[in-house]
Amino acid sequence: MNSPRQPISALTVILLVVVAGFLLRGALPSRIAIEHFDEGVYASNLVTGPEYEYRYPSRHLFAPPLGPWLIEWSQVAWGINDLASVEVNLIAGGLTVWLVGFIAARWFNDRAGIAAAALAALSGVHILYSRTALTDPLVCFWMLAAVYAIWCSLSYGDKSWALIAGLLTGLSWWTKYNGWLPLAIGVSATIPWLIVCRDRARLRTSLVCLAIIIATAGLVWSPVWYNLPDGYAAVAANHRQYLVGLDRWPQTLWQQLLNHRILEGALGPLSLAAAVIVVGAFSHLQDNASATTRTSHFWKLVALAVGLTALASLSASSIVLAALAVYWLWRNVEWHPADSPPDEDPAAVQLALWMLIAWIAGLSLTTPLYTAYPRITLPWLVPIWLAGGAAIAWLVAGIRQAADETPTATAPRGTIAWATGIIVVGLAVAIVGRYWNPGSTWSAWQSHTGLADIAAEVKTDIEQRITEQGGSPRSDNYVVDVYGEPSLFFQLRQLGIELALPASNLRFAQPGLAPPTHPTFLLAGPHALRSSQFEEQLAETAGRLKLLKTYPYTPSDFVLLNQHPPEEIRQADGQQRQYSVRLYQLE
């Protein structure tokens, strides 16, 4: 006699989703390369050399040291190359998927954990940035872990968790200068939570725990503050130049939504469908409903999946998911407690809801006050996955309950009819929506090798020219000054050009200076060529820098969106906007 089939556990499903998340982030490694300006700053410490104290000039203005340090250790272990430089984020990105699933399951229920993990695993924006050397994916991991630890501490008055929360917040702060956000989320959520609870004992323990968390976080971060070369005032002044003000808030918000639409590509709509399907399949394996009920359930789930896909194709998955998340949060806070695990304190679940509300509302209001760099929206996505996953699990549960309550004799025929209509219309809308999107269908895996390819071509051209001039083309026998393009500098050093140097001025080419003892070249990329300062400095060299070659450069979308609004990243013929890189020789 066969033993009854054991249903698959939620933990198993979440782990399978996490594995998929890792695989998606590591797919097509040949397309991974250091391309973004900030990536070059973070990845170039070891190659900058002792004359710069192994630190790219002014690196402290871009980020605290933890992210670059971890990249350095990865490069020590695996060599100075593109993959070693992004390994930290590949790991942090995959672990974030696991953490999202675990926390959603702990706060709400197993199905919410599965849905939230699926949303995170298939997030095109998060996959894209997990394949870079930027600090944003890593800080999202620390922030989420810190918020969870704060929740554990406040929910149960646990001072040990308060110390852990402070440590994790400190690590977040060591990664990015806005890494203190878990403190703001914790305090902002605690105030309404305590007002609703009206529990004096909980008030006292919460205040003590918050004090421990804040003090520990400040203590952990204090070495960064103390060792800033020019103090925190220089960092703050650098950040102020990127503030856009209240008058541009609506415009920046709209631009960020369009950024998401482009960068998520087809994965955005697919992530919503996948979350519905995975949760629906898990529910299907857990119950023993009749075949008729299961048929009704199946068609409704497909209709829901296609409907969400269609809406996301016309707008962006983050917009649809945010709307679902906000509605679900409002419903649970306003009307009744969330569908929480049976062994979980309802007050603890309510604190989780207030944390998500504070997180989403706070970043929704403040992120558009900053220049519309797409990467700064990553911390906003994290609570959207958590609440959106819970909302999708709630919708699937509602469909399942409705199917159970529908008369079995009439359910399938009527259900199939209207569900088929939704599916047909939804697929048509999804196709039209994708055609309307100006971005790449699979933006997450778009090639970032444009500057790496140019660097290889530059090396070949320089060594050929030196040979033609009767010199030695050894890589330690010529100098390449790279003006304002740290990623290009990294690519040259990766190729073994030992005397590639970061440059912020052209003093070495001033008239009246002695001729160079080694063949000396200047490489100017898009940032230099957009700068009036570079053009002025070039004019002051009185022709000592001879233009040898101009290389066409086609940046990837996530680089273009740092400089242009979404509607301007394509040319009139539909092709990507092009930049150029110029090679000069000092005479």
Protein backbone atom coordinates (compact mmCIF):
# COMPACT_ATOMS: atom_id res chain seq x y z
CA MET A 1 0.00 0.00 0.00
CA ASN A 2 1.37 3.40 -1.00
CA SER A 3 1.87 5.94 1.77
CA PRO A 4 -0.07 9.21 1.42
CA ARG A 5 1.75 12.02 -0.39
CA GLN A 6 3.40 14.46 1.98
CA PRO A 7 2.71 18.09 1.05
CA ILE A 8 5.75 20.21 0.24
CA SER A 9 6.69 22.60 3.04
CA ALA A 10 6.71 26.37 2.70
CA LEU A 11 10.38 26.42 3.72
CA THR A 12 11.24 24.13 0.81
CA VAL A 13 9.40 26.36 -1.64
CA ILE A 14 11.09 29.50 -0.30
CA LEU A 15 14.51 27.85 -0.54
CA LEU A 16 13.81 26.83 -4.15
CA VAL A 17 12.84 30.43 -4.91
CA VAL A 18 16.05 31.64 -3.24
CA VAL A 19 18.12 29.27 -5.41
CA ALA A 20 16.33 30.67 -8.46
CA GLY A 21 17.14 34.17 -7.22
CA PHE A 22 20.85 33.37 -6.98
CA LEU A 23 20.84 31.79 -10.45
CA LEU A 24 19.07 34.77 -12.01
CA ARG A 25 21.56 37.20 -10.49
CA GLY A 26 24.56 35.20 -11.64
CA ALA A 27 23.28 34.41 -15.14
CA LEU A 28 25.23 35.51 -18.23
CA PRO A 29 28.39 36.49 -16.33
CA SER A 30 30.11 37.57 -19.55
CA ARG A 31 27.82 40.63 -19.57
CA ILE A 32 28.93 41.77 -16.11
CA ALA A 33 31.51 44.56 -16.02
CA ILE A 34 32.34 47.69 -14.02
CA GLU A 35 30.68 50.52 -15.99
CA HIS A 36 28.93 52.98 -13.67
CA PHE A 37 30.97 55.93 -12.33
CA ASP A 38 30.41 54.97 -8.69
CA GLU A 39 31.26 51.34 -9.40
CA GLY A 40 34.68 52.46 -10.55
CA VAL A 41 35.18 54.44 -7.34
CA TYR A 42 34.30 51.46 -5.12
CA ALA A 43 36.17 48.80 -7.13
CA SER A 44 39.41 50.71 -7.73
CA ASN A 45 40.95 50.89 -4.26
CA LEU A 46 43.51 48.11 -4.65
CA VAL A 47 44.53 49.27 -8.12
CA THR A 48 44.84 52.95 -7.20
CA GLY A 49 48.21 52.32 -5.57
CA PRO A 50 50.13 53.39 -2.47
CA GLU A 51 50.53 56.97 -3.69
CA TYR A 52 46.77 57.33 -3.10
CA GLU A 53 46.81 55.12 0.01
CA TYR A 54 44.93 52.45 -1.95
CA ARG A 55 41.83 54.61 -2.03
CA TYR A 56 40.30 56.18 -5.10
CA PRO A 57 40.46 59.99 -4.71
CA SER A 58 37.53 61.41 -2.70
CA ARG A 59 36.00 57.96 -2.28
CA HIS A 60 34.72 58.95 1.17
CA LEU A 61 32.36 61.46 -0.46
CA PHE A 62 30.57 58.66 -2.29
CA ALA A 63 30.15 56.03 0.43
CA PRO A 64 31.47 54.82 3.79
CA PRO A 65 34.20 52.17 3.67
CA LEU A 66 32.42 48.83 4.24
CA GLY A 67 31.29 48.18 0.66
CA PRO A 68 34.68 49.01 -0.91
CA TRP A 69 36.47 46.98 1.79
CA LEU A 70 34.38 43.89 1.05
CA ILE A 71 35.10 44.34 -2.66
CA GLU A 72 38.82 44.53 -1.84
CA TRP A 73 38.69 41.23 0.05
CA SER A 74 36.82 39.63 -2.83
CA GLN A 75 39.51 40.88 -5.20
CA VAL A 76 42.23 39.53 -2.91
CA ALA A 77 40.53 36.13 -3.00
CA TRP A 78 39.58 35.97 -6.69
CA GLY A 79 41.79 38.50 -8.42
CA ILE A 80 41.17 42.02 -9.69
CA ASN A 81 38.40 41.48 -12.22
CA ASP A 82 34.78 42.38 -12.86
CA LEU A 83 33.21 39.28 -11.34
CA ALA A 84 35.22 39.52 -8.12
CA SER A 85 34.14 43.16 -7.84
CA VAL A 86 30.41 42.34 -8.00
CA GLU A 87 30.55 39.12 -5.98
CA VAL A 88 29.57 40.90 -2.76
CA ASN A 89 26.32 42.11 -4.31
CA LEU A 90 25.61 38.79 -6.01
CA ILE A 91 25.70 37.17 -2.58
CA ALA A 92 23.88 40.00 -0.78
CA GLY A 93 21.19 40.06 -3.48
CA GLY A 94 20.48 36.35 -3.17
CA LEU A 95 20.47 36.50 0.63
CA THR A 96 18.02 39.39 0.46
CA VAL A 97 15.56 37.11 -1.35
CA TRP A 98 15.87 34.61 1.49
CA LEU A 99 15.49 37.29 4.15
CA VAL A 100 12.40 38.74 2.46
CA GLY A 101 10.74 35.31 2.34
CA PHE A 102 11.67 34.46 5.92
CA ILE A 103 10.47 37.76 7.37
CA ALA A 104 7.17 37.79 5.44
CA ALA A 105 6.47 34.23 6.60
CA ARG A 106 7.33 35.14 10.19
CA TRP A 107 5.27 38.32 10.22
CA PHE A 108 2.24 37.11 8.29
CA ASN A 109 2.01 33.53 6.99
CA ASP A 110 3.80 30.96 4.85
CA ARG A 111 2.04 31.97 1.64
CA ALA A 112 3.04 35.60 2.17
CA GLY A 113 6.63 34.45 2.58
CA ILE A 114 6.53 32.48 -0.67
CA ALA A 115 4.96 35.36 -2.61
CA ALA A 116 7.34 37.97 -1.19
CA ALA A 117 10.37 35.79 -1.96
CA ALA A 118 9.15 35.28 -5.54
CA LEU A 119 8.69 39.03 -6.01
CA ALA A 120 12.20 39.73 -4.74
CA ALA A 121 13.80 36.88 -6.70
CA LEU A 122 12.27 38.05 -9.99
CA SER A 123 12.65 41.80 -9.46
CA GLY A 124 14.35 43.04 -12.60
CA VAL A 125 15.60 46.19 -10.87
CA HIS A 126 17.11 44.25 -7.98
CA ILE A 127 18.66 41.63 -10.28
CA LEU A 128 20.26 44.39 -12.34
CA TYR A 129 21.85 46.17 -9.36
CA SER A 130 22.90 42.88 -7.76
CA ARG A 131 25.14 42.47 -10.82
CA THR A 132 26.98 45.74 -10.11
CA ALA A 133 29.57 46.94 -7.59
CA LEU A 134 27.28 49.68 -6.23
CA THR A 135 26.50 49.82 -2.51
CA ASP A 136 22.71 49.80 -2.81
CA PRO A 137 21.98 46.02 -2.87
CA LEU A 138 24.24 45.47 0.14
CA VAL A 139 22.67 48.28 2.16
CA CYS A 140 19.20 46.86 1.40
CA PHE A 141 20.27 43.57 2.97
CA TRP A 142 21.61 45.26 6.10
CA MET A 143 18.55 47.54 6.36
CA LEU A 144 16.10 44.66 6.13
CA ALA A 145 18.03 42.62 8.68
CA ALA A 146 18.20 45.65 11.00
CA VAL A 147 14.47 46.37 10.73
CA TYR A 148 13.70 42.74 11.55
CA ALA A 149 16.01 42.84 14.56
CA ILE A 150 14.37 46.08 15.75
CA TRP A 151 10.99 44.36 15.44
CA CYS A 152 12.21 41.38 17.50
CA SER A 153 13.53 43.70 20.18
CA LEU A 154 10.45 45.92 20.44
CA SER A 155 7.89 43.12 20.12
CA TYR A 156 9.26 41.15 23.05
CA GLY A 157 11.28 43.73 24.96
CA ASP A 158 14.44 41.78 24.21
CA LYS A 159 17.62 43.75 24.93
CA SER A 160 19.83 41.17 23.21
CA TRP A 161 17.94 41.77 19.99
CA ALA A 162 18.37 45.51 20.62
CA LEU A 163 22.15 45.08 20.57
CA ILE A 164 21.92 43.00 17.38
CA ALA A 165 19.65 45.63 15.81
CA GLY A 166 22.13 48.37 16.68
CA LEU A 167 25.00 46.36 15.20
CA LEU A 168 23.10 45.67 11.96
CA THR A 169 22.07 49.31 11.67
CA GLY A 170 25.70 50.26 12.19
CA LEU A 171 26.74 47.93 9.36
CA SER A 172 24.07 49.51 7.17
CA TRP A 173 25.46 52.93 8.07
CA TRP A 174 28.99 51.72 7.29
CA THR A 175 27.72 50.79 3.81
CA LYS A 176 25.83 53.94 2.83
CA TYR A 177 25.36 57.33 4.45
CA ASN A 178 21.59 56.83 4.64
CA GLY A 179 22.14 53.49 6.38
CA TRP A 180 20.63 54.93 9.57
CA LEU A 181 17.15 54.57 8.02
CA PRO A 182 16.25 51.52 10.18
CA LEU A 183 16.39 53.85 13.19
CA ALA A 184 13.90 56.23 11.54
CA ILE A 185 11.65 53.32 10.58
CA GLY A 186 11.76 51.87 14.09
CA VAL A 187 11.02 55.15 15.86
CA SER A 188 8.32 56.20 13.36
CA ALA A 189 6.54 52.85 13.68
CA THR A 190 6.82 52.65 17.46
CA ILE A 191 4.98 55.91 18.09
CA PRO A 192 1.60 54.94 16.52
CA TRP A 193 2.01 51.34 17.69
CA LEU A 194 2.36 52.40 21.33
CA ILE A 195 -0.51 54.87 21.00
CA VAL A 196 -2.79 52.08 19.75
CA CYS A 197 -1.53 49.52 22.30
CA ARG A 198 -1.89 51.85 25.33
CA ASP A 199 0.37 49.55 27.37
CA ARG A 200 2.56 51.35 29.94
CA ALA A 201 4.81 48.35 30.51
CA ARG A 202 5.40 48.00 26.78
CA LEU A 203 6.10 51.74 26.57
CA ARG A 204 8.90 51.51 29.13
CA THR A 205 10.57 48.46 27.60
CA SER A 206 10.24 49.91 24.10
CA LEU A 207 11.94 53.15 25.10
CA VAL A 208 14.79 51.23 26.73
CA CYS A 209 15.22 49.01 23.67
CA LEU A 210 15.17 51.99 21.31
CA ALA A 211 17.79 53.75 23.41
CA ILE A 212 20.04 50.67 23.25
CA ILE A 213 19.53 50.35 19.49
CA ILE A 214 20.32 54.01 18.79
CA ALA A 215 23.33 54.07 21.11
CA THR A 216 24.76 50.85 19.67
CA ALA A 217 24.26 52.01 16.07
CA GLY A 218 25.95 55.33 16.83
CA LEU A 219 28.84 53.59 18.57
CA VAL A 220 29.35 51.17 15.66
CA TRP A 221 29.28 54.02 13.12
CA SER A 222 31.46 56.42 15.12
CA PRO A 223 34.81 55.21 13.65
CA VAL A 224 33.55 56.14 10.18
CA TRP A 225 32.54 59.60 11.36
CA TYR A 226 35.81 60.09 13.24
CA ASN A 227 38.01 59.09 10.28
CA LEU A 228 36.31 61.17 7.57
CA PRO A 229 39.15 63.22 6.03
CA ASP A 230 37.23 66.50 5.94
CA GLY A 231 34.55 65.71 8.50
CA TYR A 232 30.91 64.94 7.82
CA ALA A 233 30.31 68.51 6.64
CA ALA A 234 32.10 67.72 3.36
CA VAL A 235 29.94 64.63 2.84
CA ALA A 236 26.77 66.59 3.59
CA ALA A 237 27.79 69.37 1.21
CA ASN A 238 28.41 66.83 -1.54
CA HIS A 239 24.99 65.26 -1.01
CA ARG A 240 23.19 68.61 -0.95
CA GLN A 241 24.02 69.23 -4.59
CA TYR A 242 21.77 66.29 -5.52
CA LEU A 243 18.69 67.59 -3.71
CA VAL A 244 16.03 68.87 -6.12
CA GLY A 245 13.55 70.51 -3.73
CA LEU A 246 9.81 70.33 -3.26
CA ASP A 247 9.00 72.12 -6.51
CA ARG A 248 10.46 69.25 -8.56
CA TRP A 249 9.04 66.48 -6.36
CA PRO A 250 6.21 65.46 -8.77
CA GLN A 251 8.54 65.48 -11.78
CA THR A 252 11.16 63.38 -9.99
CA LEU A 253 8.55 60.91 -8.75
CA TRP A 254 7.26 60.42 -12.28
CA GLN A 255 10.79 60.02 -13.60
CA GLN A 256 11.56 57.33 -11.03
CA LEU A 257 8.42 55.41 -11.95
CA LEU A 258 9.47 55.51 -15.60
CA ASN A 259 12.96 54.42 -14.58
CA HIS A 260 11.44 51.35 -12.96
CA ARG A 261 9.37 50.61 -16.02
CA ILE A 262 12.48 50.59 -18.19
CA LEU A 263 14.83 48.74 -15.87
CA GLU A 264 12.44 46.00 -14.77
CA GLY A 265 11.80 45.01 -18.39
CA ALA A 266 9.64 41.93 -18.87
CA LEU A 267 10.60 40.60 -15.45
CA GLY A 268 8.39 43.14 -13.69
CA PRO A 269 5.07 41.84 -15.02
CA LEU A 270 6.33 38.25 -14.88
CA SER A 271 7.24 38.58 -11.20
CA LEU A 272 3.63 39.33 -10.28
CA ALA A 273 2.36 36.39 -12.31
CA ALA A 274 5.01 34.11 -10.81
CA ALA A 275 4.08 35.10 -7.25
CA VAL A 276 0.42 34.25 -7.91
CA ILE A 277 1.25 30.96 -9.62
CA VAL A 278 3.76 29.77 -7.01
CA VAL A 279 1.45 30.59 -4.09
CA GLY A 280 -1.50 29.06 -5.94
CA ALA A 281 0.45 25.88 -6.67
CA PHE A 282 1.55 25.65 -3.04
CA SER A 283 -2.07 26.05 -1.90
CA HIS A 284 -3.16 23.42 -4.41
CA LEU A 285 -0.71 20.90 -2.94
CA GLN A 286 -1.91 21.60 0.60
CA ASP A 287 -5.64 20.98 0.19
CA ASN A 288 -7.85 18.04 -0.72
CA ALA A 289 -10.57 19.91 -2.59
CA SER A 290 -12.66 18.27 -5.28
CA ALA A 291 -11.56 18.29 -8.92
CA THR A 292 -14.36 20.73 -9.76
CA THR A 293 -13.28 23.16 -7.06
CA ARG A 294 -9.67 22.89 -8.14
CA THR A 295 -10.62 23.65 -11.74
CA SER A 296 -12.49 26.77 -10.66
CA HIS A 297 -9.57 27.76 -8.46
CA PHE A 298 -7.08 27.23 -11.30
CA TRP A 299 -8.88 29.41 -13.83
CA LYS A 300 -9.35 32.23 -11.35
CA LEU A 301 -5.67 32.15 -10.43
CA VAL A 302 -4.65 32.29 -14.08
CA ALA A 303 -7.00 35.21 -14.62
CA LEU A 304 -5.51 37.02 -11.60
CA ALA A 305 -1.96 36.36 -12.79
CA VAL A 306 -2.66 37.60 -16.32
CA GLY A 307 -4.63 40.59 -15.04
CA LEU A 308 -1.77 41.73 -12.81
CA THR A 309 0.67 41.14 -15.67
CA ALA A 310 -1.42 43.32 -17.97
CA LEU A 311 -1.63 46.15 -15.43
CA ALA A 312 2.13 45.99 -14.83
CA SER A 313 2.83 45.99 -18.57
CA LEU A 314 0.85 49.20 -19.00
CA SER A 315 2.49 50.91 -16.02
CA ALA A 316 5.20 49.19 -13.97
CA SER A 317 5.15 46.24 -11.61
CA SER A 318 6.33 48.47 -8.76
CA ILE A 319 3.28 50.72 -9.22
CA VAL A 320 0.85 47.79 -9.22
CA LEU A 321 2.61 46.15 -6.30
CA ALA A 322 2.74 49.39 -4.32
CA ALA A 323 -1.00 49.87 -4.82
CA LEU A 324 -1.68 46.32 -3.61
CA ALA A 325 0.66 46.80 -0.66
CA VAL A 326 -0.89 50.09 0.45
CA TYR A 327 -4.43 48.72 0.20
CA TRP A 328 -3.54 45.59 2.12
CA LEU A 329 -1.77 47.56 4.86
CA TRP A 330 -4.65 50.03 5.18
CA ARG A 331 -7.16 47.19 5.35
CA ASN A 332 -5.30 45.31 8.07
CA VAL A 333 -4.47 48.33 10.20
CA GLU A 334 -7.92 49.87 9.90
CA TRP A 335 -10.26 46.90 10.12
CA HIS A 336 -8.76 43.78 11.67
CA PRO A 337 -5.43 42.16 12.52
CA ALA A 338 -3.43 40.56 9.76
CA ASP A 339 -3.71 36.83 9.08
CA SER A 340 -0.80 36.05 11.38
CA PRO A 341 0.80 32.77 12.45
CA PRO A 342 -1.16 31.16 15.29
CA ASP A 343 1.78 31.41 17.69
CA GLU A 344 2.49 35.09 16.96
CA ASP A 345 1.45 37.95 19.25
CA PRO A 346 -1.14 40.12 17.41
CA ALA A 347 0.54 43.24 18.81
CA ALA A 348 3.82 42.11 17.25
CA VAL A 349 2.12 41.70 13.87
CA GLN A 350 0.65 45.17 14.23
CA LEU A 351 4.15 46.55 14.86
CA ALA A 352 5.30 44.87 11.65
CA LEU A 353 2.46 46.58 9.79
CA TRP A 354 3.38 49.97 11.25
CA MET A 355 7.00 49.40 10.28
CA LEU A 356 6.03 48.70 6.69
CA ILE A 357 3.78 51.76 6.64
CA ALA A 358 6.55 53.97 8.03
CA TRP A 359 9.07 52.51 5.57
CA ILE A 360 6.91 52.87 2.47
CA ALA A 361 5.44 56.26 3.38
CA GLY A 362 8.76 57.74 4.47
CA LEU A 363 10.68 56.76 1.35
CA SER A 364 7.75 57.56 -0.95
CA LEU A 365 7.82 61.12 0.36
CA THR A 366 11.58 61.66 0.58
CA THR A 367 13.09 59.75 -2.36
CA PRO A 368 11.68 62.16 -5.00
CA LEU A 369 13.43 65.04 -3.19
CA TYR A 370 16.70 63.64 -4.55
CA THR A 371 18.01 63.52 -8.12
CA ALA A 372 16.24 60.67 -9.92
CA TYR A 373 19.02 58.10 -9.85
CA PRO A 374 17.25 54.74 -10.24
CA ARG A 375 19.41 52.93 -7.69
CA ILE A 376 18.20 55.01 -4.74
CA THR A 377 14.74 53.44 -5.05
CA LEU A 378 16.00 49.98 -4.06
CA PRO A 379 15.35 50.51 -0.31
CA TRP A 380 11.77 51.52 -1.24
CA LEU A 381 11.24 48.22 -3.08
CA VAL A 382 12.00 46.04 -0.05
CA PRO A 383 8.87 46.85 2.01
CA ILE A 384 6.83 46.77 -1.20
CA TRP A 385 7.87 43.13 -1.67
CA LEU A 386 6.93 42.29 1.92
CA ALA A 387 3.51 43.96 1.93
CA GLY A 388 2.86 43.16 -1.74
CA GLY A 389 3.65 39.50 -1.14
CA ALA A 390 1.19 39.45 1.76
CA ALA A 391 -1.41 41.14 -0.47
CA ILE A 392 -0.98 38.55 -3.24
CA ALA A 393 -1.22 35.72 -0.70
CA TRP A 394 -4.43 37.32 0.59
CA LEU A 395 -5.87 37.53 -2.94
CA VAL A 396 -5.03 33.90 -3.64
CA ALA A 397 -6.59 32.86 -0.33
CA GLY A 398 -9.72 34.83 -1.25
CA ILE A 399 -9.97 33.07 -4.60
CA ARG A 400 -9.54 29.72 -2.90
CA GLN A 401 -12.22 30.50 -0.35
CA ALA A 402 -14.62 31.69 -3.06
CA ALA A 403 -14.02 28.51 -5.03
CA ASP A 404 -14.79 26.41 -1.96
CA GLU A 405 -18.06 28.28 -1.40
CA THR A 406 -19.26 28.13 -5.03
CA PRO A 407 -21.75 25.34 -5.92
CA THR A 408 -19.65 22.63 -7.53
CA ALA A 409 -22.16 21.80 -10.24
CA THR A 410 -22.06 25.23 -11.86
CA ALA A 411 -18.68 26.68 -10.96
CA PRO A 412 -16.40 25.47 -13.76
CA ARG A 413 -18.39 26.52 -16.81
CA GLY A 414 -19.06 30.09 -15.66
CA THR A 415 -15.62 30.49 -14.17
CA ILE A 416 -13.88 29.31 -17.33
CA ALA A 417 -15.92 31.69 -19.48
CA TRP A 418 -15.10 34.91 -17.65
CA ALA A 419 -11.58 33.83 -16.75
CA THR A 420 -10.84 33.08 -20.40
CA GLY A 421 -12.03 36.56 -21.34
CA ILE A 422 -9.74 38.15 -18.78
CA ILE A 423 -6.82 36.02 -19.95
CA VAL A 424 -7.29 36.89 -23.63
CA VAL A 425 -7.69 40.61 -22.96
CA GLY A 426 -4.88 40.59 -20.41
CA LEU A 427 -2.42 38.93 -22.76
CA ALA A 428 -3.27 41.42 -25.51
CA VAL A 429 -2.77 44.33 -23.12
CA ALA A 430 0.52 42.84 -21.87
CA ILE A 431 1.86 42.55 -25.41
CA VAL A 432 0.86 46.12 -26.23
CA GLY A 433 2.34 47.34 -22.95
CA ARG A 434 5.70 45.72 -23.64
CA TYR A 435 5.79 47.28 -27.12
CA TRP A 436 5.23 50.69 -25.54
CA ASN A 437 8.16 50.25 -23.13
CA PRO A 438 11.27 51.98 -24.54
CA GLY A 439 13.64 49.85 -22.48
CA SER A 440 15.23 46.50 -23.18
CA THR A 441 12.97 43.48 -22.68
CA TRP A 442 15.58 41.85 -20.46
CA SER A 443 17.22 44.94 -18.95
CA ALA A 444 18.42 42.98 -15.94
CA TRP A 445 20.95 41.14 -18.10
CA GLN A 446 21.84 43.94 -20.48
CA SER A 447 25.56 44.00 -21.22
CA HIS A 448 27.66 46.41 -19.15
CA THR A 449 30.87 45.75 -21.08
CA GLY A 450 30.97 48.94 -23.19
CA LEU A 451 33.85 50.58 -21.31
CA ALA A 452 35.66 47.26 -20.85
CA ASP A 453 35.66 46.73 -24.62
CA ILE A 454 36.95 50.26 -25.21
CA ALA A 455 39.70 49.77 -22.61
CA ALA A 456 40.94 46.68 -24.46
CA GLU A 457 40.91 48.58 -27.75
CA VAL A 458 42.75 51.54 -26.18
CA LYS A 459 45.48 49.25 -24.84
CA THR A 460 45.99 47.72 -28.29
CA ASP A 461 46.08 51.13 -30.00
CA ILE A 462 48.51 52.64 -27.48
CA GLU A 463 50.95 49.75 -27.68
CA GLN A 464 50.76 49.74 -31.47
CA ARG A 465 51.53 53.48 -31.57
CA ILE A 466 54.46 53.12 -29.18
CA THR A 467 55.85 50.33 -31.36
CA GLU A 468 55.50 52.50 -34.46
CA GLN A 469 57.42 55.26 -32.65
CA GLY A 470 60.24 52.83 -31.85
CA GLY A 471 59.46 52.46 -28.15
CA SER A 472 58.81 49.51 -25.88
CA PRO A 473 55.12 48.61 -25.59
CA ARG A 474 55.49 47.03 -22.15
CA SER A 475 52.52 47.86 -19.93
CA ASP A 476 54.81 49.43 -17.30
CA ASN A 477 56.53 51.68 -19.83
CA TYR A 478 53.74 54.16 -20.61
CA VAL A 479 51.38 56.37 -18.63
CA VAL A 480 47.63 56.69 -19.19
CA ASP A 481 45.92 59.48 -17.25
CA VAL A 482 42.18 58.77 -17.04
CA TYR A 483 40.20 61.98 -16.56
CA GLY A 484 37.07 61.68 -14.40
CA GLU A 485 36.15 58.14 -15.44
CA PRO A 486 36.91 55.72 -12.57
CA SER A 487 35.28 52.73 -14.28
CA LEU A 488 37.49 53.19 -17.34
CA PHE A 489 40.49 53.54 -15.01
CA PHE A 490 39.55 50.24 -13.36
CA GLN A 491 39.24 48.49 -16.71
CA LEU A 492 42.72 49.67 -17.78
CA ARG A 493 44.29 48.53 -14.51
CA GLN A 494 42.48 45.22 -14.82
CA LEU A 495 44.20 44.79 -18.20
CA GLY A 496 47.58 45.22 -16.54
CA ILE A 497 48.42 48.83 -17.46
CA GLU A 498 50.44 49.56 -14.34
CA LEU A 499 50.81 53.31 -14.92
CA ALA A 500 47.14 54.07 -15.50
CA LEU A 501 46.36 56.94 -13.13
CA PRO A 502 43.17 58.75 -12.04
CA ALA A 503 43.23 62.40 -13.12
CA SER A 504 41.08 65.38 -12.17
CA ASN A 505 43.11 68.06 -13.98
CA LEU A 506 45.57 68.53 -16.85
CA ARG A 507 48.47 70.12 -14.97
CA PHE A 508 50.82 67.47 -16.35
CA ALA A 509 50.22 68.92 -19.84
CA GLN A 510 50.76 72.61 -19.05
CA PRO A 511 52.95 74.56 -21.52
CA GLY A 512 56.54 75.02 -20.42
CA LEU A 513 56.86 71.67 -18.64
CA ALA A 514 59.60 69.28 -19.72
CA PRO A 515 58.66 66.57 -22.22
CA PRO A 516 57.51 63.32 -20.56
CA THR A 517 60.12 60.64 -19.87
CA HIS A 518 57.60 57.92 -20.77
CA PRO A 519 54.97 57.92 -23.52
CA THR A 520 52.03 59.65 -21.86
CA PHE A 521 48.40 59.48 -22.92
CA LEU A 522 45.14 60.99 -21.75
CA LEU A 523 41.83 59.17 -21.84
CA ALA A 524 38.70 61.32 -21.51
CA GLY A 525 35.29 59.69 -21.20
CA PRO A 526 31.70 60.96 -21.14
CA HIS A 527 31.98 62.70 -17.76
CA ALA A 528 34.99 64.73 -18.90
CA LEU A 529 33.51 65.54 -22.29
CA ARG A 530 30.35 66.91 -20.64
CA SER A 531 32.43 69.13 -18.37
CA SER A 532 33.16 72.74 -19.28
CA GLN A 533 36.07 72.55 -16.82
CA PHE A 534 37.73 69.86 -18.94
CA GLU A 535 37.33 71.89 -22.12
CA GLU A 536 38.87 74.94 -20.42
CA GLN A 537 41.79 72.92 -19.10
CA LEU A 538 42.30 71.32 -22.51
CA ALA A 539 42.48 74.76 -24.14
CA GLU A 540 45.12 75.83 -21.61
CA THR A 541 47.45 73.03 -22.72
CA ALA A 542 48.12 74.97 -25.95
CA GLY A 543 47.97 71.93 -28.19
CA ARG A 544 50.33 69.71 -26.20
CA LEU A 545 47.63 67.01 -26.15
CA LYS A 546 47.13 65.53 -29.61
CA LEU A 547 43.84 63.76 -30.30
CA LEU A 548 44.62 60.27 -31.60
CA LYS A 549 41.26 58.55 -31.75
CA THR A 550 37.62 58.80 -30.72
CA TYR A 551 35.85 55.61 -29.66
CA PRO A 552 32.06 55.34 -29.85
CA TYR A 553 30.54 54.14 -26.59
CA THR A 554 27.02 52.81 -26.11
CA PRO A 555 26.21 52.84 -22.38
CA SER A 556 23.74 50.44 -20.82
CA ASP A 557 20.35 51.76 -19.76
CA PHE A 558 21.14 51.96 -16.05
CA VAL A 559 24.07 54.27 -16.83
CA LEU A 560 22.08 56.40 -19.27
CA LEU A 561 19.28 56.88 -16.75
CA ASN A 562 21.72 58.60 -14.40
CA GLN A 563 22.19 61.39 -16.95
CA HIS A 564 18.95 61.51 -18.95
CA PRO A 565 15.23 61.23 -18.32
CA PRO A 566 13.76 57.94 -19.58
CA GLU A 567 12.29 59.46 -22.73
CA GLU A 568 15.75 60.61 -23.86
CA ILE A 569 17.77 57.39 -23.59
CA ARG A 570 16.83 56.40 -27.12
CA GLN A 571 17.68 58.30 -30.30
CA ALA A 572 15.13 59.18 -32.97
CA ASP A 573 15.81 55.89 -34.78
CA GLY A 574 15.12 53.90 -31.60
CA GLN A 575 18.77 53.02 -30.98
CA GLN A 576 20.47 53.67 -27.65
CA ARG A 577 22.05 57.07 -27.14
CA GLN A 578 25.78 57.03 -27.79
CA TYR A 579 28.67 58.71 -26.02
CA SER A 580 32.34 58.80 -26.94
CA VAL A 581 35.76 58.30 -25.38
CA ARG A 582 38.79 60.26 -26.63
CA LEU A 583 42.44 59.21 -26.59
CA TYR A 584 45.13 61.93 -26.58
CA GLN A 585 48.93 61.76 -26.51
CA LEU A 586 51.10 64.27 -24.69
CA GLU A 587 53.73 65.80 -26.96
